[in-house]
Amino acid sequence: MSRRARRNHTPAFKAKVALAAVKGDRTLAQLAERFDIHPNQIASWKAQLEGGAADVFGPGGGNAVALPAIDVKSLHAKIGELTLENDS
């Protein structure tokens, strides 16, 4: 028996499979047969979807990491310094 080559699935495919699993109208075994994916992989993608669904609707809805505030004045000052160094 030969091994199947490792497959990389697109995020769109993963979302399609996970949404089908969330619907609950078919069992994991039926979905696994339909999409040719192992049932454990479907369960994993479903858990990721359920865990990250709050992030879809904006920051603060889940465990989103807040981006640090950007100090524009200091960045402009640094650009000016680098420009002077390059001109010299």
Protein backbone atom coordinates (compact mmCIF):
# COMPACT_ATOMS: atom_id res chain seq x y z
CA MET A 1 0.00 0.00 0.00
CA SER A 2 1.51 3.31 -1.04
CA ARG A 3 1.24 6.48 0.96
CA ARG A 4 -0.69 9.42 -0.37
CA ALA A 5 1.35 12.55 -1.03
CA ARG A 6 0.92 15.27 1.55
CA ARG A 7 -1.79 17.70 0.50
CA ASN A 8 -2.08 21.40 1.27
CA HIS A 9 -5.63 22.67 1.46
CA THR A 10 -6.65 26.22 0.73
CA PRO A 11 -8.28 28.30 3.46
CA ALA A 12 -11.45 28.42 1.33
CA PHE A 13 -11.63 24.62 1.25
CA LYS A 14 -11.02 24.38 4.98
CA ALA A 15 -13.79 26.90 5.63
CA LYS A 16 -16.18 24.99 3.35
CA VAL A 17 -15.52 21.71 5.17
CA ALA A 18 -15.70 23.31 8.64
CA LEU A 19 -18.98 25.06 7.83
CA ALA A 20 -20.43 21.78 6.59
CA ALA A 21 -19.38 20.20 9.90
CA VAL A 22 -20.94 23.04 11.91
CA LYS A 23 -24.25 22.60 10.10
CA GLY A 24 -24.53 19.15 11.63
CA ASP A 25 -26.77 17.65 8.95
CA ARG A 26 -24.15 14.96 8.17
CA THR A 27 -21.83 12.95 10.36
CA LEU A 28 -18.09 13.43 10.36
CA ALA A 29 -17.73 10.08 8.61
CA GLN A 30 -20.06 11.20 5.82
CA LEU A 31 -18.21 14.49 5.45
CA ALA A 32 -14.87 12.68 5.45
CA GLU A 33 -16.02 10.49 2.60
CA ARG A 34 -17.50 13.40 0.68
CA PHE A 35 -14.42 15.66 0.95
CA ASP A 36 -11.79 12.87 1.09
CA ILE A 37 -10.44 14.16 4.42
CA HIS A 38 -9.81 12.29 7.67
CA PRO A 39 -12.59 12.83 10.27
CA ASN A 40 -10.05 14.04 12.85
CA GLN A 41 -8.95 16.78 10.43
CA ILE A 42 -12.56 17.88 9.98
CA ALA A 43 -13.06 18.00 13.74
CA SER A 44 -9.89 20.09 14.09
CA TRP A 45 -10.98 22.60 11.42
CA LYS A 46 -14.44 22.79 13.00
CA ALA A 47 -12.92 23.59 16.40
CA GLN A 48 -10.69 26.27 14.82
CA LEU A 49 -13.70 27.82 13.13
CA GLU A 50 -15.75 27.85 16.31
CA GLY A 51 -12.84 29.23 18.32
CA GLY A 52 -12.05 32.01 15.88
CA ALA A 53 -15.54 32.96 14.71
CA ALA A 54 -15.72 35.97 17.05
CA ASP A 55 -12.67 37.51 15.33
CA VAL A 56 -14.63 37.78 12.09
CA PHE A 57 -16.86 40.47 13.53
CA GLY A 58 -14.12 42.82 14.69
CA PRO A 59 -11.38 43.26 17.24
CA GLY A 60 -12.13 42.61 20.88
CA GLY A 61 -14.59 39.87 20.04
CA GLY A 62 -12.15 37.08 20.76
CA ASN A 63 -8.52 36.57 21.57
CA ALA A 64 -7.32 39.07 18.99
CA VAL A 65 -3.95 40.66 19.63
CA ALA A 66 -4.16 44.45 19.82
CA LEU A 67 -1.72 46.26 17.55
CA PRO A 68 0.52 48.79 19.26
CA ALA A 69 -0.08 52.49 18.61
CA ILE A 70 2.20 53.99 15.96
CA ASP A 71 4.05 57.22 16.76
CA VAL A 72 3.97 58.99 13.40
CA LYS A 73 6.10 61.95 14.56
CA SER A 74 9.02 59.75 15.53
CA LEU A 75 8.77 57.86 12.24
CA HIS A 76 8.84 61.11 10.25
CA ALA A 77 11.85 62.26 12.28
CA LYS A 78 13.68 59.00 11.54
CA ILE A 79 12.87 59.32 7.82
CA GLY A 80 14.31 62.84 7.86
CA GLU A 81 17.50 61.65 9.55
CA LEU A 82 17.97 58.83 7.05
CA THR A 83 17.32 61.15 4.14
CA LEU A 84 20.02 63.56 5.40
CA GLU A 85 22.46 60.69 5.81
CA ASN A 86 21.81 59.46 2.26
CA ASP A 87 22.22 62.96 0.79
CA SER A 88 25.63 63.44 2.42
